[in-house]
C-alpha atoms as a PDB file:
ATOM      1  CA  ALA A   1       1.743  -2.142 -31.530  1.00  0.00           C
ATOM      2  CA  MET A   2       2.075  -5.835 -32.365  1.00  0.00           C
ATOM      3  CA  ASP A   3       5.365  -6.032 -30.464  1.00  0.00           C
ATOM      4  CA  GLU A   4       3.751  -4.387 -27.449  1.00  0.00           C
ATOM      5  CA  THR A   5       0.812  -6.824 -27.501  1.00  0.00           C
ATOM      6  CA  GLU A   6       3.190  -9.788 -27.661  1.00  0.00           C
ATOM      7  CA  THR A   7       5.343  -8.356 -24.864  1.00  0.00           C
ATOM      8  CA  LEU A   8       2.325  -7.887 -22.600  1.00  0.00           C
ATOM      9  CA  GLN A   9       1.030 -11.375 -23.365  1.00  0.00           C
ATOM     10  CA  LYS A  10       4.434 -12.825 -22.499  1.00  0.00           C
ATOM     11  CA  LEU A  11       4.344 -10.882 -19.225  1.00  0.00           C
ATOM     12  CA  TYR A  12       0.866 -12.191 -18.360  1.00  0.00           C
ATOM     13  CA  ASP A  13       1.832 -15.775 -19.208  1.00  0.00           C
ATOM     14  CA  LEU A  14       4.905 -15.594 -16.970  1.00  0.00           C
ATOM     15  CA  LEU A  15       3.014 -13.985 -14.077  1.00  0.00           C
ATOM     16  CA  GLU A  16       0.390 -16.730 -14.004  1.00  0.00           C
ATOM     17  CA  ALA A  17       2.740 -19.672 -14.691  1.00  0.00           C
ATOM     18  CA  LYS A  18       2.565 -22.758 -12.482  1.00  0.00           C
ATOM     19  CA  GLY A  19       6.258 -22.806 -11.541  1.00  0.00           C
ATOM     20  CA  PHE A  20       7.221 -20.245  -8.888  1.00  0.00           C
ATOM     21  CA  GLU A  21      10.574 -19.530 -10.591  1.00  0.00           C
ATOM     22  CA  THR A  22       8.743 -18.693 -13.831  1.00  0.00           C
ATOM     23  CA  ARG A  23       6.427 -16.343 -11.938  1.00  0.00           C
ATOM     24  CA  MET A  24       9.538 -14.649 -10.543  1.00  0.00           C
ATOM     25  CA  GLU A  25      10.796 -14.256 -14.130  1.00  0.00           C
ATOM     26  CA  GLY A  26       7.536 -12.455 -14.840  1.00  0.00           C
ATOM     27  CA  LEU A  27       8.146 -10.079 -11.942  1.00  0.00           C
ATOM     28  CA  ALA A  28      11.679  -9.393 -13.219  1.00  0.00           C
ATOM     29  CA  LEU A  29      10.278  -8.696 -16.717  1.00  0.00           C
ATOM     30  CA  LEU A  30       7.681  -6.305 -15.278  1.00  0.00           C
ATOM     31  CA  LEU A  31      10.359  -4.315 -13.468  1.00  0.00           C
ATOM     32  CA  ASP A  32      12.538  -4.282 -16.595  1.00  0.00           C
ATOM     33  CA  LEU A  33       9.625  -2.997 -18.697  1.00  0.00           C
ATOM     34  CA  CYS A  34       8.878  -0.330 -16.093  1.00  0.00           C
ATOM     35  CA  LYS A  35      12.440   0.929 -16.335  1.00  0.00           C
ATOM     36  CA  ASN A  36      12.735   0.758 -20.131  1.00  0.00           C
ATOM     37  CA  SER A  37       9.138   1.217 -21.355  1.00  0.00           C
ATOM     38  CA  PRO A  38       7.329   3.077 -18.547  1.00  0.00           C
ATOM     39  CA  LYS A  39       4.709   4.451 -20.949  1.00  0.00           C
ATOM     40  CA  LEU A  40       3.704   0.924 -22.005  1.00  0.00           C
ATOM     41  CA  ILE A  41       3.208  -0.130 -18.381  1.00  0.00           C
ATOM     42  CA  ALA A  42       1.439   3.104 -17.403  1.00  0.00           C
ATOM     43  CA  THR A  43      -1.010   2.790 -20.329  1.00  0.00           C
ATOM     44  CA  ASN A  44      -1.882  -0.811 -19.419  1.00  0.00           C
ATOM     45  CA  ILE A  45      -1.533  -0.574 -15.629  1.00  0.00           C
ATOM     46  CA  VAL A  46      -5.109  -1.696 -14.815  1.00  0.00           C
ATOM     47  CA  GLN A  47      -4.878  -4.877 -16.902  1.00  0.00           C
ATOM     48  CA  ILE A  48      -1.321  -5.588 -15.691  1.00  0.00           C
ATOM     49  CA  PHE A  49      -2.490  -5.315 -12.092  1.00  0.00           C
ATOM     50  CA  ASP A  50      -5.099  -8.028 -12.721  1.00  0.00           C
ATOM     51  CA  TYR A  51      -2.157 -10.418 -12.986  1.00  0.00           C
ATOM     52  CA  PHE A  52       0.364  -8.692 -10.716  1.00  0.00           C
ATOM     53  CA  VAL A  53      -1.922  -8.380  -7.679  1.00  0.00           C
ATOM     54  CA  LEU A  54      -2.128 -12.189  -7.519  1.00  0.00           C
ATOM     55  CA  ARG A  55       1.634 -12.343  -7.013  1.00  0.00           C
ATOM     56  CA  ILE A  56       1.425  -9.898  -4.081  1.00  0.00           C
ATOM     57  CA  SER A  57      -0.611 -12.604  -2.324  1.00  0.00           C
ATOM     58  CA  ASP A  58       1.275 -15.539  -3.834  1.00  0.00           C
ATOM     59  CA  THR A  59       1.358 -18.740  -1.794  1.00  0.00           C
ATOM     60  CA  HIS A  60       5.141 -18.947  -2.303  1.00  0.00           C
ATOM     61  CA  LYS A  61       6.974 -16.593   0.081  1.00  0.00           C
ATOM     62  CA  LYS A  62       9.835 -15.884  -2.342  1.00  0.00           C
ATOM     63  CA  VAL A  63       7.407 -14.771  -5.044  1.00  0.00           C
ATOM     64  CA  LYS A  64       5.391 -12.672  -2.591  1.00  0.00           C
ATOM     65  CA  GLN A  65       8.509 -10.979  -1.228  1.00  0.00           C
ATOM     66  CA  MET A  66       9.836 -10.260  -4.718  1.00  0.00           C
ATOM     67  CA  ALA A  67       6.430  -8.910  -5.810  1.00  0.00           C
ATOM     68  CA  LEU A  68       6.406  -6.444  -2.900  1.00  0.00           C
ATOM     69  CA  ASP A  69       9.986  -5.382  -3.707  1.00  0.00           C
ATOM     70  CA  VAL A  70       9.047  -4.881  -7.369  1.00  0.00           C
ATOM     71  CA  LEU A  71       5.923  -2.955  -6.338  1.00  0.00           C
ATOM     72  CA  ALA A  72       8.015  -0.520  -4.269  1.00  0.00           C
ATOM     73  CA  GLU A  73      10.272   0.131  -7.290  1.00  0.00           C
ATOM     74  CA  ILE A  74       7.333   0.473  -9.694  1.00  0.00           C
ATOM     75  CA  ILE A  75       5.726   3.088  -7.418  1.00  0.00           C
ATOM     76  CA  VAL A  76       8.909   5.178  -7.553  1.00  0.00           C
ATOM     77  CA  ILE A  77       9.089   4.948 -11.373  1.00  0.00           C
ATOM     78  CA  LEU A  78       5.417   5.409 -12.302  1.00  0.00           C
ATOM     79  CA  GLU A  79       4.164   7.661  -9.466  1.00  0.00           C
ATOM     80  CA  ASP A  80       0.823   9.238 -10.545  1.00  0.00           C
ATOM     81  CA  ALA A  81       0.304   6.600 -13.248  1.00  0.00           C
ATOM     82  CA  MET A  82      -0.458   4.217 -10.348  1.00  0.00           C
ATOM     83  CA  ASN A  83      -3.586   6.192  -9.351  1.00  0.00           C
ATOM     84  CA  PRO A  84      -6.038   3.912 -11.233  1.00  0.00           C
ATOM     85  CA  VAL A  85      -4.892   0.917  -9.156  1.00  0.00           C
ATOM     86  CA  ILE A  86      -4.339   2.634  -5.806  1.00  0.00           C
ATOM     87  CA  ILE A  87      -7.179   0.734  -4.072  1.00  0.00           C
ATOM     88  CA  ARG A  88      -5.866  -2.687  -5.079  1.00  0.00           C
ATOM     89  CA  LEU A  89      -2.309  -1.572  -4.356  1.00  0.00           C
ATOM     90  CA  VAL A  90      -3.163  -0.643  -0.751  1.00  0.00           C
ATOM     91  CA  GLU A  91      -5.180  -3.856  -0.306  1.00  0.00           C
ATOM     92  CA  GLY A  92      -2.223  -5.915  -1.558  1.00  0.00           C
ATOM     93  CA  ILE A  93       0.259  -4.236   0.757  1.00  0.00           C
ATOM     94  CA  THR A  94      -1.885  -4.224   3.910  1.00  0.00           C
ATOM     95  CA  ARG A  95      -2.707  -7.913   3.424  1.00  0.00           C
ATOM     96  CA  ASN A  96       0.987  -8.670   4.025  1.00  0.00           C
ATOM     97  CA  LEU A  97       1.547  -6.481   7.080  1.00  0.00           C
ATOM     98  CA  ASN A  98       0.569  -9.311   9.447  1.00  0.00           C
ATOM     99  CA  SER A  99       2.913 -11.809   7.809  1.00  0.00           C
ATOM    100  CA  LYS A 100       4.792 -13.952  10.303  1.00  0.00           C
ATOM    101  CA  ASP A 101       7.767 -13.925   7.939  1.00  0.00           C
ATOM    102  CA  PRO A 102       9.807 -10.844   8.977  1.00  0.00           C
ATOM    103  CA  ARG A 103      11.158 -10.416   5.416  1.00  0.00           C
ATOM    104  CA  VAL A 104       7.683 -10.283   3.888  1.00  0.00           C
ATOM    105  CA  HIS A 105       6.561  -7.813   6.576  1.00  0.00           C
ATOM    106  CA  ALA A 106       9.638  -5.642   5.956  1.00  0.00           C
ATOM    107  CA  THR A 107       9.055  -5.529   2.182  1.00  0.00           C
ATOM    108  CA  ALA A 108       5.363  -4.672   2.756  1.00  0.00           C
ATOM    109  CA  VAL A 109       6.350  -1.792   5.062  1.00  0.00           C
ATOM    110  CA  ASN A 110       8.848  -0.563   2.465  1.00  0.00           C
ATOM    111  CA  ALA A 111       6.141  -0.586  -0.240  1.00  0.00           C
ATOM    112  CA  LEU A 112       3.899   1.319   2.178  1.00  0.00           C
ATOM    113  CA  GLU A 113       6.591   3.986   2.696  1.00  0.00           C
ATOM    114  CA  GLU A 114       7.204   4.360  -1.049  1.00  0.00           C
ATOM    115  CA  SER A 115       3.454   4.805  -1.540  1.00  0.00           C
ATOM    116  CA  ILE A 116       3.423   7.714   0.912  1.00  0.00           C
ATOM    117  CA  ALA A 117       6.499   9.257  -0.720  1.00  0.00           C
ATOM    118  CA  HIS A 118       5.294   9.031  -4.332  1.00  0.00           C
ATOM    119  CA  LEU A 119       1.504   8.625  -4.569  1.00  0.00           C
ATOM    120  CA  ASP A 120      -1.418  11.009  -4.028  1.00  0.00           C
ATOM    121  CA  LYS A 121      -1.669  11.513  -0.279  1.00  0.00           C
ATOM    122  CA  VAL A 122      -5.365  12.409  -0.193  1.00  0.00           C
ATOM    123  CA  SER A 123      -6.266   9.203  -2.061  1.00  0.00           C
ATOM    124  CA  LEU A 124      -3.989   7.204   0.237  1.00  0.00           C
ATOM    125  CA  MET A 125      -5.574   8.561   3.419  1.00  0.00           C
ATOM    126  CA  LYS A 126      -9.040   7.666   2.105  1.00  0.00           C
ATOM    127  CA  GLU A 127      -7.960   4.151   1.200  1.00  0.00           C
ATOM    128  CA  PHE A 128      -5.991   3.583   4.435  1.00  0.00           C
ATOM    129  CA  SER A 129      -9.099   4.612   6.358  1.00  0.00           C
ATOM    130  CA  HIS A 130     -11.315   2.230   4.331  1.00  0.00           C
ATOM    131  CA  GLN A 131      -8.886  -0.652   4.905  1.00  0.00           C
ATOM    132  CA  TRP A 132      -8.326   0.164   8.584  1.00  0.00           C
ATOM    133  CA  SER A 133     -11.627  -1.240   9.832  1.00  0.00           C
ATOM    134  CA  GLN A 134     -10.787  -4.621   8.276  1.00  0.00           C
ATOM    135  CA  LEU A 135      -7.302  -4.861   9.794  1.00  0.00           C
ATOM    136  CA  SER A 136      -6.013  -6.459  12.971  1.00  0.00           C
ATOM    137  CA  GLY A 137      -2.731  -7.060  14.742  1.00  0.00           C
ATOM    138  CA  GLN A 138       0.446  -5.328  13.571  1.00  0.00           C
ATOM    139  CA  ALA A 139      -1.223  -4.234  10.323  1.00  0.00           C
ATOM    140  CA  LEU A 140      -3.608  -2.065  12.356  1.00  0.00           C
ATOM    141  CA  LEU A 141      -0.681  -0.248  13.976  1.00  0.00           C
ATOM    142  CA  ASP A 142       1.326   0.029  10.740  1.00  0.00           C
ATOM    143  CA  VAL A 143      -1.562   1.664   8.875  1.00  0.00           C
ATOM    144  CA  THR A 144      -2.455   3.946  11.817  1.00  0.00           C
ATOM    145  CA  GLU A 145       1.133   5.216  11.819  1.00  0.00           C
ATOM    146  CA  ARG A 146       0.915   5.958   8.075  1.00  0.00           C
ATOM    147  CA  ILE A 147      -2.352   7.845   8.537  1.00  0.00           C
ATOM    148  CA  THR A 148      -0.539   9.902  11.186  1.00  0.00           C
ATOM    149  CA  GLU A 149       2.280  10.641   8.710  1.00  0.00           C
ATOM    150  CA  LEU A 150      -0.252  11.933   6.185  1.00  0.00           C
ATOM    151  CA  VAL A 151      -2.286  14.178   8.516  1.00  0.00           C
ATOM    152  CA  GLU A 152      -0.304  17.432   8.176  1.00  0.00           C
ATOM    153  CA  GLU A 153       0.044  17.430   4.387  1.00  0.00           C
ATOM    154  CA  VAL A 154      -3.491  16.220   3.668  1.00  0.00           C
ATOM    155  CA  HIS A 155      -4.987  18.774   6.081  1.00  0.00           C
ATOM    156  CA  ALA A 156      -3.155  21.574   4.253  1.00  0.00           C
ATOM    157  CA  ARG A 157      -4.845  20.472   0.998  1.00  0.00           C
ATOM    158  CA  SER A 158      -8.199  19.127   2.217  1.00  0.00           C
ATOM    159  CA  PRO A 159      -9.091  19.626   5.901  1.00  0.00           C
ATOM    160  CA  GLU A 160     -12.431  17.871   5.292  1.00  0.00           C
ATOM    161  CA  VAL A 161     -10.627  14.685   4.207  1.00  0.00           C
ATOM    162  CA  VAL A 162      -8.760  14.546   7.532  1.00  0.00           C
ATOM    163  CA  GLN A 163     -11.993  15.075   9.464  1.00  0.00           C
ATOM    164  CA  ARG A 164     -13.887  12.464   7.466  1.00  0.00           C
ATOM    165  CA  TYR A 165     -11.198   9.775   7.253  1.00  0.00           C
ATOM    166  CA  ALA A 166      -8.594  10.247  10.013  1.00  0.00           C
ATOM    167  CA  LEU A 167     -10.867  11.269  12.900  1.00  0.00           C
ATOM    168  CA  PRO A 168     -12.977   8.067  12.818  1.00  0.00           C
ATOM    169  CA  VAL A 169      -9.761   6.067  13.160  1.00  0.00           C
ATOM    170  CA  LEU A 170      -8.838   8.004  16.317  1.00  0.00           C
ATOM    171  CA  TRP A 171     -12.344   7.624  17.770  1.00  0.00           C
ATOM    172  CA  SER A 172     -12.289   3.863  17.114  1.00  0.00           C
ATOM    173  CA  LEU A 173      -8.923   3.545  18.815  1.00  0.00           C
ATOM    174  CA  LEU A 174     -10.041   5.567  21.839  1.00  0.00           C
ATOM    175  CA  GLU A 175     -13.376   3.775  22.248  1.00  0.00           C
ATOM    176  CA  ASN A 176     -12.004   0.258  22.012  1.00  0.00           C
ATOM    177  CA  LYS A 177     -10.526  -0.421  25.432  1.00  0.00           C
ATOM    178  CA  ALA A 178      -9.384  -3.913  24.419  1.00  0.00           C
ATOM    179  CA  LEU A 179      -7.747  -3.467  21.039  1.00  0.00           C
ATOM    180  CA  PRO A 180      -7.110  -6.762  19.270  1.00  0.00           C
ATOM    181  CA  VAL A 181      -3.391  -6.001  19.173  1.00  0.00           C
ATOM    182  CA  ARG A 182      -0.861  -7.527  21.529  1.00  0.00           C
ATOM    183  CA  SER A 183       1.703  -4.776  21.500  1.00  0.00           C
ATOM    184  CA  ALA A 184       3.134  -2.291  23.965  1.00  0.00           C
ATOM    185  CA  ASN A 185       3.189   0.225  21.088  1.00  0.00           C
ATOM    186  CA  VAL A 186      -0.594   0.706  20.963  1.00  0.00           C
ATOM    187  CA  ARG A 187      -0.670   3.623  23.402  1.00  0.00           C
ATOM    188  CA  MET A 188       2.261   5.313  21.637  1.00  0.00           C
ATOM    189  CA  VAL A 189       0.658   4.922  18.181  1.00  0.00           C
ATOM    190  CA  VAL A 190      -2.689   6.337  19.386  1.00  0.00           C
ATOM    191  CA  THR A 191      -0.952   9.241  21.139  1.00  0.00           C
ATOM    192  CA  ARG A 192       0.971  10.147  17.976  1.00  0.00           C
ATOM    193  CA  LEU A 193      -2.216  10.199  15.891  1.00  0.00           C
ATOM    194  CA  ALA A 194      -4.038  12.336  18.467  1.00  0.00           C
ATOM    195  CA  SER A 195      -1.070  14.733  18.646  1.00  0.00           C
ATOM    196  CA  ALA A 196      -0.838  15.030  14.843  1.00  0.00           C
ATOM    197  CA  LEU A 197      -4.551  15.842  14.632  1.00  0.00           C
ATOM    198  CA  TYR A 198      -4.296  18.378  17.465  1.00  0.00           C
ATOM    199  CA  GLU A 199      -1.358  20.052  15.669  1.00  0.00           C
ATOM    200  CA  VAL A 200      -3.496  20.829  12.605  1.00  0.00           C
ATOM    201  CA  MET A 201      -6.954  21.181  14.190  1.00  0.00           C
ATOM    202  CA  GLY A 202      -6.208  22.747  17.563  1.00  0.00           C
ATOM    203  CA  THR A 203      -9.276  23.038  19.827  1.00  0.00           C
ATOM    204  CA  LYS A 204     -11.495  22.055  16.868  1.00  0.00           C
ATOM    205  CA  LEU A 205     -10.410  18.492  17.670  1.00  0.00           C
ATOM    206  CA  LYS A 206     -12.670  18.611  20.767  1.00  0.00           C
END
């Protein structure tokens, strides 16, 4: 227990260090601990995220990119153990979807995909929907596409979740004739969401 306490304290110290290279060492240690002591990380995931979430929005691009890469790997390893931090996880990822750095955007999208593959889909749809209203630009489209991906599976488990969380997104998209997104993909993204909802709801969608 003493060893574990010291290990966690070392991790926290590295993650909040002043030097960006030291913070990156902290991220490498976190990934290493996830691979070799997953139970330790899972048990302390809420406290660890207090420190880790700051690196997802780090001012240094290299740290931010590495944090998103590490997050994607952690999601694969820990899966359901990430449930207590799913809200902060989604917030951290979506905050980087509008990054002008293509590498940061790509790592954020990858973390988003791993979330859908390994985390609870009902919880994700709820959180994506909550975050959606605060998004703009490319992030708005990225998250809408992920909601579309979740529709079929979530509807099979909880039709009411789709109606409560995915439908308002479609209505908002349809009502807003001047979406704050400069992209030719808007129409295609909206059409895919509408089609996915029609697939599971049929004429109920009306």
